[in-house]
All heavy atoms as atom14 arrays in JSON, in Angstrom:
{
  "sequence": "AALEAIKGEKSLVELARISNVHPNTIGKLRASPVTKWKAELMGHARRA",
  "atom14_mask": [
    [1, 1, 1, 1, 1, 0, 0, 0, 0, 0, 0, 0, 0, 0],
    [1, 1, 1, 1, 1, 0, 0, 0, 0, 0, 0, 0, 0, 0],
    [1, 1, 1, 1, 1, 1, 1, 1, 0, 0, 0, 0, 0, 0],
    [1, 1, 1, 1, 1, 1, 1, 1, 1, 0, 0, 0, 0, 0],
    [1, 1, 1, 1, 1, 0, 0, 0, 0, 0, 0, 0, 0, 0],
    [1, 1, 1, 1, 1, 1, 1, 1, 0, 0, 0, 0, 0, 0],
    [1, 1, 1, 1, 1, 1, 1, 1, 1, 0, 0, 0, 0, 0],
    [1, 1, 1, 1, 0, 0, 0, 0, 0, 0, 0, 0, 0, 0],
    [1, 1, 1, 1, 1, 1, 1, 1, 1, 0, 0, 0, 0, 0],
    [1, 1, 1, 1, 1, 1, 1, 1, 1, 0, 0, 0, 0, 0],
    [1, 1, 1, 1, 1, 1, 0, 0, 0, 0, 0, 0, 0, 0],
    [1, 1, 1, 1, 1, 1, 1, 1, 0, 0, 0, 0, 0, 0],
    [1, 1, 1, 1, 1, 1, 1, 0, 0, 0, 0, 0, 0, 0],
    [1, 1, 1, 1, 1, 1, 1, 1, 1, 0, 0, 0, 0, 0],
    [1, 1, 1, 1, 1, 1, 1, 1, 0, 0, 0, 0, 0, 0],
    [1, 1, 1, 1, 1, 0, 0, 0, 0, 0, 0, 0, 0, 0],
    [1, 1, 1, 1, 1, 1, 1, 1, 1, 1, 1, 0, 0, 0],
    [1, 1, 1, 1, 1, 1, 1, 1, 0, 0, 0, 0, 0, 0],
    [1, 1, 1, 1, 1, 1, 0, 0, 0, 0, 0, 0, 0, 0],
    [1, 1, 1, 1, 1, 1, 1, 1, 0, 0, 0, 0, 0, 0],
    [1, 1, 1, 1, 1, 1, 1, 0, 0, 0, 0, 0, 0, 0],
    [1, 1, 1, 1, 1, 1, 1, 1, 1, 1, 0, 0, 0, 0],
    [1, 1, 1, 1, 1, 1, 1, 0, 0, 0, 0, 0, 0, 0],
    [1, 1, 1, 1, 1, 1, 1, 1, 0, 0, 0, 0, 0, 0],
    [1, 1, 1, 1, 1, 1, 1, 0, 0, 0, 0, 0, 0, 0],
    [1, 1, 1, 1, 1, 1, 1, 1, 0, 0, 0, 0, 0, 0],
    [1, 1, 1, 1, 0, 0, 0, 0, 0, 0, 0, 0, 0, 0],
    [1, 1, 1, 1, 1, 1, 1, 1, 1, 0, 0, 0, 0, 0],
    [1, 1, 1, 1, 1, 1, 1, 1, 0, 0, 0, 0, 0, 0],
    [1, 1, 1, 1, 1, 1, 1, 1, 1, 1, 1, 0, 0, 0],
    [1, 1, 1, 1, 1, 0, 0, 0, 0, 0, 0, 0, 0, 0],
    [1, 1, 1, 1, 1, 1, 0, 0, 0, 0, 0, 0, 0, 0],
    [1, 1, 1, 1, 1, 1, 1, 0, 0, 0, 0, 0, 0, 0],
    [1, 1, 1, 1, 1, 1, 1, 0, 0, 0, 0, 0, 0, 0],
    [1, 1, 1, 1, 1, 1, 1, 0, 0, 0, 0, 0, 0, 0],
    [1, 1, 1, 1, 1, 1, 1, 1, 1, 0, 0, 0, 0, 0],
    [1, 1, 1, 1, 1, 1, 1, 1, 1, 1, 1, 1, 1, 1],
    [1, 1, 1, 1, 1, 1, 1, 1, 1, 0, 0, 0, 0, 0],
    [1, 1, 1, 1, 1, 0, 0, 0, 0, 0, 0, 0, 0, 0],
    [1, 1, 1, 1, 1, 1, 1, 1, 1, 0, 0, 0, 0, 0],
    [1, 1, 1, 1, 1, 1, 1, 1, 0, 0, 0, 0, 0, 0],
    [1, 1, 1, 1, 1, 1, 1, 1, 0, 0, 0, 0, 0, 0],
    [1, 1, 1, 1, 0, 0, 0, 0, 0, 0, 0, 0, 0, 0],
    [1, 1, 1, 1, 1, 1, 1, 1, 1, 1, 0, 0, 0, 0],
    [1, 1, 1, 1, 1, 0, 0, 0, 0, 0, 0, 0, 0, 0],
    [1, 1, 1, 1, 1, 1, 1, 1, 1, 1, 1, 0, 0, 0],
    [1, 1, 1, 1, 1, 1, 1, 1, 1, 1, 1, 0, 0, 0],
    [1, 1, 1, 1, 1, 0, 0, 0, 0, 0, 0, 0, 0, 0]
  ],
  "atom14_positions": [
    [[-9.8, 3.39, 5.67], [-9.98, 2.39, 4.62], [-8.67, 1.66, 4.34], [-8.66, 0.45, 4.13], [-10.5, 3.05, 3.34], [0.0, 0.0, 0.0], [0.0, 0.0, 0.0], [0.0, 0.0, 0.0], [0.0, 0.0, 0.0], [0.0, 0.0, 0.0], [0.0, 0.0, 0.0], [0.0, 0.0, 0.0], [0.0, 0.0, 0.0], [0.0, 0.0, 0.0]],
    [[-7.56, 2.39, 4.38], [-6.25, 1.75, 4.18], [-5.94, 0.78, 5.3], [-5.42, -0.31, 5.07], [-5.16, 2.81, 4.07], [0.0, 0.0, 0.0], [0.0, 0.0, 0.0], [0.0, 0.0, 0.0], [0.0, 0.0, 0.0], [0.0, 0.0, 0.0], [0.0, 0.0, 0.0], [0.0, 0.0, 0.0], [0.0, 0.0, 0.0], [0.0, 0.0, 0.0]],
    [[-6.28, 1.15, 6.53], [-6.05, 0.24, 7.66], [-6.94, -0.99, 7.54], [-6.51, -2.11, 7.85], [-6.3, 0.96, 8.98], [-5.28, 2.05, 9.32], [-5.74, 2.82, 10.55], [-3.92, 1.45, 9.53], [0.0, 0.0, 0.0], [0.0, 0.0, 0.0], [0.0, 0.0, 0.0], [0.0, 0.0, 0.0], [0.0, 0.0, 0.0], [0.0, 0.0, 0.0]],
    [[-8.17, -0.8, 7.1], [-9.06, -1.94, 6.88], [-8.5, -2.85, 5.79], [-8.63, -4.07, 5.86], [-10.47, -1.46, 6.51], [-11.2, -0.77, 7.64], [-11.55, -1.71, 8.78], [-11.83, -2.9, 8.53], [-11.54, -1.25, 9.92], [0.0, 0.0, 0.0], [0.0, 0.0, 0.0], [0.0, 0.0, 0.0], [0.0, 0.0, 0.0], [0.0, 0.0, 0.0]],
    [[-7.9, -2.25, 4.77], [-7.31, -3.04, 3.69], [-6.16, -3.89, 4.22], [-5.98, -5.04, 3.79], [-6.83, -2.13, 2.57], [0.0, 0.0, 0.0], [0.0, 0.0, 0.0], [0.0, 0.0, 0.0], [0.0, 0.0, 0.0], [0.0, 0.0, 0.0], [0.0, 0.0, 0.0], [0.0, 0.0, 0.0], [0.0, 0.0, 0.0], [0.0, 0.0, 0.0]],
    [[-5.4, -3.35, 5.14], [-4.29, -4.1, 5.73], [-4.82, -5.3, 6.51], [-4.25, -6.38, 6.46], [-3.43, -3.19, 6.63], [-2.67, -2.19, 5.76], [-2.47, -4.0, 7.48], [-1.96, -1.11, 6.53], [0.0, 0.0, 0.0], [0.0, 0.0, 0.0], [0.0, 0.0, 0.0], [0.0, 0.0, 0.0], [0.0, 0.0, 0.0], [0.0, 0.0, 0.0]],
    [[-5.94, -5.12, 7.19], [-6.54, -6.22, 7.94], [-6.95, -7.35, 7.02], [-6.94, -8.51, 7.41], [-7.76, -5.73, 8.72], [-7.45, -4.82, 9.86], [-8.74, -4.39, 10.53], [-8.53, -3.34, 11.57], [-9.82, -2.88, 12.14], [0.0, 0.0, 0.0], [0.0, 0.0, 0.0], [0.0, 0.0, 0.0], [0.0, 0.0, 0.0], [0.0, 0.0, 0.0]],
    [[-7.34, -7.0, 5.79], [-7.71, -8.02, 4.81], [-9.11, -8.59, 4.97], [-9.42, -9.61, 4.36], [0.0, 0.0, 0.0], [0.0, 0.0, 0.0], [0.0, 0.0, 0.0], [0.0, 0.0, 0.0], [0.0, 0.0, 0.0], [0.0, 0.0, 0.0], [0.0, 0.0, 0.0], [0.0, 0.0, 0.0], [0.0, 0.0, 0.0], [0.0, 0.0, 0.0]],
    [[-9.94, -7.96, 5.77], [-11.3, -8.48, 5.98], [-12.22, -8.15, 4.81], [-13.2, -8.84, 4.59], [-11.86, -7.92, 7.28], [-11.1, -8.4, 8.5], [-11.53, -7.72, 9.78], [-12.43, -6.86, 9.74], [-10.94, -8.05, 10.82], [0.0, 0.0, 0.0], [0.0, 0.0, 0.0], [0.0, 0.0, 0.0], [0.0, 0.0, 0.0], [0.0, 0.0, 0.0]],
    [[-11.91, -7.08, 4.08], [-12.7, -6.68, 2.92], [-11.75, -6.43, 1.75], [-10.59, -6.09, 1.96], [-13.5, -5.4, 3.21], [-14.54, -5.56, 4.28], [-15.3, -4.29, 4.51], [-16.31, -4.5, 5.64], [-17.0, -3.27, 5.98], [0.0, 0.0, 0.0], [0.0, 0.0, 0.0], [0.0, 0.0, 0.0], [0.0, 0.0, 0.0], [0.0, 0.0, 0.0]],
    [[-12.27, -6.58, 0.55], [-11.44, -6.34, -0.63], [-11.26, -4.84, -0.85], [-12.01, -4.01, -0.3], [-12.09, -6.96, -1.86], [-13.24, -6.23, -2.24], [0.0, 0.0, 0.0], [0.0, 0.0, 0.0], [0.0, 0.0, 0.0], [0.0, 0.0, 0.0], [0.0, 0.0, 0.0], [0.0, 0.0, 0.0], [0.0, 0.0, 0.0], [0.0, 0.0, 0.0]],
    [[-10.27, -4.49, -1.67], [-10.06, -3.08, -1.99], [-11.28, -2.49, -2.67], [-11.64, -1.34, -2.44], [-8.83, -2.92, -2.89], [-7.47, -3.15, -2.25], [-6.37, -2.97, -3.28], [-7.26, -2.23, -1.08], [0.0, 0.0, 0.0], [0.0, 0.0, 0.0], [0.0, 0.0, 0.0], [0.0, 0.0, 0.0], [0.0, 0.0, 0.0], [0.0, 0.0, 0.0]],
    [[-11.93, -3.28, -3.51], [-13.12, -2.79, -4.22], [-14.24, -2.48, -3.22], [-14.89, -1.44, -3.32], [-13.58, -3.81, -5.27], [-14.9, -3.4, -5.9], [-12.51, -4.0, -6.33], [0.0, 0.0, 0.0], [0.0, 0.0, 0.0], [0.0, 0.0, 0.0], [0.0, 0.0, 0.0], [0.0, 0.0, 0.0], [0.0, 0.0, 0.0], [0.0, 0.0, 0.0]],
    [[-14.45, -3.36, -2.25], [-15.48, -3.11, -1.24], [-15.17, -1.85, -0.44], [-16.04, -1.01, -0.21], [-15.59, -4.29, -0.28], [-16.19, -5.53, -0.89], [-16.13, -6.71, 0.06], [-15.05, -6.97, 0.63], [-17.17, -7.36, 0.23], [0.0, 0.0, 0.0], [0.0, 0.0, 0.0], [0.0, 0.0, 0.0], [0.0, 0.0, 0.0], [0.0, 0.0, 0.0]],
    [[-13.92, -1.72, -0.02], [-13.52, -0.54, 0.75], [-13.62, 0.73, -0.08], [-13.99, 1.78, 0.44], [-12.11, -0.73, 1.27], [-11.95, -1.82, 2.33], [-10.47, -2.09, 2.6], [-12.66, -1.44, 3.6], [0.0, 0.0, 0.0], [0.0, 0.0, 0.0], [0.0, 0.0, 0.0], [0.0, 0.0, 0.0], [0.0, 0.0, 0.0], [0.0, 0.0, 0.0]],
    [[-13.3, 0.64, -1.36], [-13.39, 1.81, -2.24], [-14.85, 2.26, -2.37], [-15.13, 3.46, -2.36], [-12.81, 1.48, -3.6], [0.0, 0.0, 0.0], [0.0, 0.0, 0.0], [0.0, 0.0, 0.0], [0.0, 0.0, 0.0], [0.0, 0.0, 0.0], [0.0, 0.0, 0.0], [0.0, 0.0, 0.0], [0.0, 0.0, 0.0], [0.0, 0.0, 0.0]],
    [[-15.76, 1.3, -2.48], [-17.18, 1.67, -2.57], [-17.64, 2.35, -1.28], [-18.34, 3.35, -1.32], [-18.03, 0.43, -2.81], [-17.98, -0.06, -4.2], [-18.97, -1.19, -4.41], [-18.65, -1.89, -5.63], [-18.6, -3.2, -5.76], [-18.88, -3.98, -4.74], [-18.29, -3.76, -6.91], [0.0, 0.0, 0.0], [0.0, 0.0, 0.0], [0.0, 0.0, 0.0]],
    [[-17.24, 1.81, -0.15], [-17.64, 2.38, 1.14], [-17.07, 3.79, 1.3], [-17.75, 4.69, 1.77], [-17.17, 1.47, 2.3], [-17.92, 0.15, 2.26], [-17.34, 2.16, 3.64], [-17.32, -0.92, 3.17], [0.0, 0.0, 0.0], [0.0, 0.0, 0.0], [0.0, 0.0, 0.0], [0.0, 0.0, 0.0], [0.0, 0.0, 0.0], [0.0, 0.0, 0.0]],
    [[-15.81, 3.97, 0.91], [-15.12, 5.25, 1.09], [-15.34, 6.21, -0.06], [-14.9, 7.35, 0.01], [-13.62, 5.01, 1.25], [-13.37, 4.17, 2.34], [0.0, 0.0, 0.0], [0.0, 0.0, 0.0], [0.0, 0.0, 0.0], [0.0, 0.0, 0.0], [0.0, 0.0, 0.0], [0.0, 0.0, 0.0], [0.0, 0.0, 0.0], [0.0, 0.0, 0.0]],
    [[-15.96, 5.72, -1.13], [-16.22, 6.54, -2.31], [-14.93, 7.07, -2.95], [-14.82, 8.26, -3.27], [-17.19, 7.67, -1.98], [-17.85, 8.23, -3.22], [-18.06, 7.49, -4.2], [-18.19, 9.49, -3.19], [0.0, 0.0, 0.0], [0.0, 0.0, 0.0], [0.0, 0.0, 0.0], [0.0, 0.0, 0.0], [0.0, 0.0, 0.0], [0.0, 0.0, 0.0]],
    [[-13.94, 6.19, -3.06], [-12.67, 6.52, -3.72], [-12.31, 5.39, -4.67], [-12.9, 4.31, -4.62], [-11.52, 6.75, -2.71], [-11.79, 7.94, -1.84], [-11.26, 5.52, -1.89], [0.0, 0.0, 0.0], [0.0, 0.0, 0.0], [0.0, 0.0, 0.0], [0.0, 0.0, 0.0], [0.0, 0.0, 0.0], [0.0, 0.0, 0.0], [0.0, 0.0, 0.0]],
    [[-11.3, 5.61, -5.5], [-10.84, 4.58, -6.43], [-10.02, 3.55, -5.65], [-9.27, 3.9, -4.74], [-9.99, 5.22, -7.52], [-9.75, 4.32, -8.68], [-8.76, 3.38, -8.7], [-10.4, 4.21, -9.86], [-8.79, 2.73, -9.84], [-9.79, 3.22, -10.57], [0.0, 0.0, 0.0], [0.0, 0.0, 0.0], [0.0, 0.0, 0.0], [0.0, 0.0, 0.0]],
    [[-10.14, 2.25, -6.01], [-9.37, 1.22, -5.31], [-7.86, 1.46, -5.31], [-7.18, 1.13, -4.34], [-9.71, -0.06, -6.07], [-11.03, 0.2, -6.69], [-11.05, 1.67, -7.01], [0.0, 0.0, 0.0], [0.0, 0.0, 0.0], [0.0, 0.0, 0.0], [0.0, 0.0, 0.0], [0.0, 0.0, 0.0], [0.0, 0.0, 0.0], [0.0, 0.0, 0.0]],
    [[-7.33, 2.06, -6.38], [-5.89, 2.33, -6.42], [-5.46, 3.3, -5.33], [-4.35, 3.21, -4.81], [-5.49, 2.9, -7.78], [-5.55, 1.85, -8.87], [-5.68, 0.66, -8.61], [-5.49, 2.3, -10.11], [0.0, 0.0, 0.0], [0.0, 0.0, 0.0], [0.0, 0.0, 0.0], [0.0, 0.0, 0.0], [0.0, 0.0, 0.0], [0.0, 0.0, 0.0]],
    [[-6.34, 4.22, -4.98], [-6.03, 5.18, -3.92], [-5.82, 4.46, -2.59], [-4.87, 4.74, -1.86], [-7.17, 6.21, -3.79], [-7.38, 6.83, -5.05], [-6.84, 7.26, -2.74], [0.0, 0.0, 0.0], [0.0, 0.0, 0.0], [0.0, 0.0, 0.0], [0.0, 0.0, 0.0], [0.0, 0.0, 0.0], [0.0, 0.0, 0.0], [0.0, 0.0, 0.0]],
    [[-6.71, 3.52, -2.3], [-6.57, 2.76, -1.06], [-5.32, 1.89, -1.12], [-4.59, 1.77, -0.14], [-7.83, 1.92, -0.79], [-9.02, 2.84, -0.59], [-7.63, 1.01, 0.43], [-10.34, 2.13, -0.46], [0.0, 0.0, 0.0], [0.0, 0.0, 0.0], [0.0, 0.0, 0.0], [0.0, 0.0, 0.0], [0.0, 0.0, 0.0], [0.0, 0.0, 0.0]],
    [[-5.06, 1.3, -2.27], [-3.87, 0.47, -2.43], [-2.59, 1.26, -2.18], [-1.66, 0.77, -1.54], [0.0, 0.0, 0.0], [0.0, 0.0, 0.0], [0.0, 0.0, 0.0], [0.0, 0.0, 0.0], [0.0, 0.0, 0.0], [0.0, 0.0, 0.0], [0.0, 0.0, 0.0], [0.0, 0.0, 0.0], [0.0, 0.0, 0.0], [0.0, 0.0, 0.0]],
    [[-2.54, 2.49, -2.68], [-1.36, 3.33, -2.47], [-1.21, 3.7, -1.0], [-0.11, 3.69, -0.46], [-1.45, 4.59, -3.32], [-1.23, 4.34, -4.78], [-1.39, 5.6, -5.6], [-1.29, 5.3, -7.09], [-1.51, 6.51, -7.9], [0.0, 0.0, 0.0], [0.0, 0.0, 0.0], [0.0, 0.0, 0.0], [0.0, 0.0, 0.0], [0.0, 0.0, 0.0]],
    [[-2.32, 4.02, -0.35], [-2.26, 4.34, 1.08], [-1.84, 3.13, 1.91], [-1.08, 3.24, 2.86], [-3.6, 4.86, 1.57], [-3.95, 6.28, 1.22], [-5.38, 6.59, 1.62], [-3.0, 7.25, 1.89], [0.0, 0.0, 0.0], [0.0, 0.0, 0.0], [0.0, 0.0, 0.0], [0.0, 0.0, 0.0], [0.0, 0.0, 0.0], [0.0, 0.0, 0.0]],
    [[-2.35, 1.97, 1.52], [-2.04, 0.74, 2.25], [-0.54, 0.46, 2.19], [0.04, -0.05, 3.14], [-2.82, -0.43, 1.66], [-2.54, -1.74, 2.34], [-3.32, -2.86, 1.77], [-2.91, -3.11, 0.4], [-3.39, -4.07, -0.36], [-4.33, -4.85, 0.11], [-2.97, -4.24, -1.58], [0.0, 0.0, 0.0], [0.0, 0.0, 0.0], [0.0, 0.0, 0.0]],
    [[0.07, 0.81, 1.07], [1.5, 0.54, 0.88], [2.4, 1.59, 1.51], [3.62, 1.39, 1.58], [1.8, 0.45, -0.61], [0.0, 0.0, 0.0], [0.0, 0.0, 0.0], [0.0, 0.0, 0.0], [0.0, 0.0, 0.0], [0.0, 0.0, 0.0], [0.0, 0.0, 0.0], [0.0, 0.0, 0.0], [0.0, 0.0, 0.0], [0.0, 0.0, 0.0]],
    [[1.84, 2.69, 2.0], [2.68, 3.75, 2.56], [3.28, 3.32, 3.89], [2.65, 2.63, 4.69], [1.89, 5.04, 2.74], [1.18, 5.03, 3.93], [0.0, 0.0, 0.0], [0.0, 0.0, 0.0], [0.0, 0.0, 0.0], [0.0, 0.0, 0.0], [0.0, 0.0, 0.0], [0.0, 0.0, 0.0], [0.0, 0.0, 0.0], [0.0, 0.0, 0.0]],
    [[4.52, 3.72, 4.15], [5.18, 3.36, 5.41], [4.42, 3.85, 6.65], [4.38, 3.17, 7.66], [6.54, 4.03, 5.32], [6.76, 4.29, 3.88], [5.4, 4.47, 3.27], [0.0, 0.0, 0.0], [0.0, 0.0, 0.0], [0.0, 0.0, 0.0], [0.0, 0.0, 0.0], [0.0, 0.0, 0.0], [0.0, 0.0, 0.0], [0.0, 0.0, 0.0]],
    [[3.81, 5.01, 6.57], [3.08, 5.56, 7.72], [1.88, 4.67, 8.05], [1.61, 4.37, 9.21], [2.64, 7.01, 7.45], [1.73, 7.52, 8.55], [3.85, 7.91, 7.29], [0.0, 0.0, 0.0], [0.0, 0.0, 0.0], [0.0, 0.0, 0.0], [0.0, 0.0, 0.0], [0.0, 0.0, 0.0], [0.0, 0.0, 0.0], [0.0, 0.0, 0.0]],
    [[1.15, 4.25, 7.03], [-0.02, 3.41, 7.25], [0.4, 2.06, 7.85], [-0.25, 1.56, 8.76], [-0.8, 3.2, 5.94], [-1.14, 4.47, 5.41], [-2.06, 2.41, 6.17], [0.0, 0.0, 0.0], [0.0, 0.0, 0.0], [0.0, 0.0, 0.0], [0.0, 0.0, 0.0], [0.0, 0.0, 0.0], [0.0, 0.0, 0.0], [0.0, 0.0, 0.0]],
    [[1.48, 1.49, 7.34], [1.97, 0.21, 7.87], [2.38, 0.36, 9.33], [2.09, -0.49, 10.15], [3.12, -0.3, 7.02], [2.69, -0.78, 5.67], [3.85, -1.32, 4.88], [3.39, -1.79, 3.52], [4.49, -2.3, 2.72], [0.0, 0.0, 0.0], [0.0, 0.0, 0.0], [0.0, 0.0, 0.0], [0.0, 0.0, 0.0], [0.0, 0.0, 0.0]],
    [[3.04, 1.47, 9.64], [3.47, 1.71, 11.01], [2.26, 1.84, 11.93], [2.22, 1.26, 13.01], [4.31, 2.99, 11.04], [4.64, 3.45, 12.42], [5.66, 3.01, 13.21], [3.94, 4.43, 13.19], [5.63, 3.66, 14.42], [4.59, 4.53, 14.44], [2.82, 5.22, 12.95], [4.16, 5.4, 15.42], [2.4, 6.09, 13.93], [3.06, 6.18, 15.16]],
    [[1.26, 2.59, 11.49], [0.07, 2.8, 12.31], [-0.67, 1.48, 12.52], [-1.12, 1.18, 13.62], [-0.86, 3.82, 11.65], [-2.03, 4.2, 12.51], [-2.83, 5.32, 11.86], [-4.0, 5.71, 12.74], [-4.8, 6.78, 12.14], [0.0, 0.0, 0.0], [0.0, 0.0, 0.0], [0.0, 0.0, 0.0], [0.0, 0.0, 0.0], [0.0, 0.0, 0.0]],
    [[-0.77, 0.65, 11.48], [-1.45, -0.63, 11.6], [-0.71, -1.54, 12.57], [-1.33, -2.23, 13.39], [-1.56, -1.3, 10.23], [0.0, 0.0, 0.0], [0.0, 0.0, 0.0], [0.0, 0.0, 0.0], [0.0, 0.0, 0.0], [0.0, 0.0, 0.0], [0.0, 0.0, 0.0], [0.0, 0.0, 0.0], [0.0, 0.0, 0.0], [0.0, 0.0, 0.0]],
    [[0.6, -1.53, 12.51], [1.4, -2.36, 13.42], [1.22, -1.88, 14.85], [1.04, -2.7, 15.77], [2.88, -2.3, 13.02], [3.73, -3.24, 13.83], [5.16, -3.27, 13.35], [5.41, -3.05, 12.15], [6.04, -3.52, 14.19], [0.0, 0.0, 0.0], [0.0, 0.0, 0.0], [0.0, 0.0, 0.0], [0.0, 0.0, 0.0], [0.0, 0.0, 0.0]],
    [[1.23, -0.58, 15.05], [1.04, -0.02, 16.38], [-0.33, -0.4, 16.94], [-0.46, -0.82, 18.09], [1.19, 1.49, 16.35], [1.01, 2.22, 17.66], [2.11, 1.84, 18.65], [1.02, 3.72, 17.42], [0.0, 0.0, 0.0], [0.0, 0.0, 0.0], [0.0, 0.0, 0.0], [0.0, 0.0, 0.0], [0.0, 0.0, 0.0], [0.0, 0.0, 0.0]],
    [[-1.36, -0.28, 16.12], [-2.71, -0.62, 16.56], [-2.83, -2.12, 16.87], [-3.51, -2.51, 17.82], [-3.73, -0.21, 15.5], [-3.88, 1.29, 15.39], [-4.95, 1.81, 14.04], [-6.52, 1.19, 14.61], [0.0, 0.0, 0.0], [0.0, 0.0, 0.0], [0.0, 0.0, 0.0], [0.0, 0.0, 0.0], [0.0, 0.0, 0.0], [0.0, 0.0, 0.0]],
    [[-2.16, -2.94, 16.1], [-2.18, -4.37, 16.35], [-1.55, -4.72, 17.68], [-2.06, -5.55, 18.42], [0.0, 0.0, 0.0], [0.0, 0.0, 0.0], [0.0, 0.0, 0.0], [0.0, 0.0, 0.0], [0.0, 0.0, 0.0], [0.0, 0.0, 0.0], [0.0, 0.0, 0.0], [0.0, 0.0, 0.0], [0.0, 0.0, 0.0], [0.0, 0.0, 0.0]],
    [[-0.45, -4.04, 18.01], [0.21, -4.29, 19.3], [-0.65, -3.79, 20.44], [-0.7, -4.41, 21.5], [1.57, -3.6, 19.34], [2.62, -4.27, 18.51], [3.09, -5.53, 18.78], [3.25, -3.87, 17.38], [3.98, -5.86, 17.87], [4.09, -4.87, 17.0], [0.0, 0.0, 0.0], [0.0, 0.0, 0.0], [0.0, 0.0, 0.0], [0.0, 0.0, 0.0]],
    [[-1.36, -2.69, 20.23], [-2.22, -2.14, 21.29], [-3.37, -3.09, 21.58], [-3.78, -3.24, 22.73], [-2.75, -0.77, 20.87], [0.0, 0.0, 0.0], [0.0, 0.0, 0.0], [0.0, 0.0, 0.0], [0.0, 0.0, 0.0], [0.0, 0.0, 0.0], [0.0, 0.0, 0.0], [0.0, 0.0, 0.0], [0.0, 0.0, 0.0], [0.0, 0.0, 0.0]],
    [[-3.91, -3.74, 20.57], [-5.02, -4.67, 20.78], [-4.58, -5.91, 21.55], [-5.35, -6.49, 22.3], [-5.59, -5.11, 19.43], [-6.41, -4.04, 18.79], [-7.12, -4.56, 17.56], [-7.53, -3.45, 16.75], [-7.18, -3.24, 15.5], [-6.45, -4.13, 14.87], [-7.58, -2.2, 14.84], [0.0, 0.0, 0.0], [0.0, 0.0, 0.0], [0.0, 0.0, 0.0]],
    [[-3.33, -6.32, 21.34], [-2.83, -7.53, 22.01], [-2.48, -7.28, 23.47], [-2.43, -8.2, 24.26], [-1.6, -8.05, 21.28], [-1.95, -8.7, 19.97], [-0.72, -9.29, 19.32], [-0.73, -8.82, 17.93], [0.29, -8.35, 17.28], [1.47, -8.28, 17.85], [0.18, -7.94, 16.03], [0.0, 0.0, 0.0], [0.0, 0.0, 0.0], [0.0, 0.0, 0.0]],
    [[-2.21, -6.02, 23.8], [-1.78, -5.7, 25.17], [-2.94, -5.66, 26.14], [-4.05, -5.61, 25.88], [-1.06, -4.35, 25.17], [0.0, 0.0, 0.0], [0.0, 0.0, 0.0], [0.0, 0.0, 0.0], [0.0, 0.0, 0.0], [0.0, 0.0, 0.0], [0.0, 0.0, 0.0], [0.0, 0.0, 0.0], [0.0, 0.0, 0.0], [0.0, 0.0, 0.0]]
  ]
}
C-alpha cells in the first residue's frame, strides 16, 4: 500500500480502505527511507 501511495495512482484514503488500515499508517510508511529505496529500485527494474 505504501508503494502504491508513492506511485500516486490512488489516494491514501483509497489505499487505507483497501488495506484496512488508517491513512496515517500508509503515509508514515510512504515516508520511510526503506520504502522510498524499494520504490526507486522497482522503478529502475521496470525501465530496464
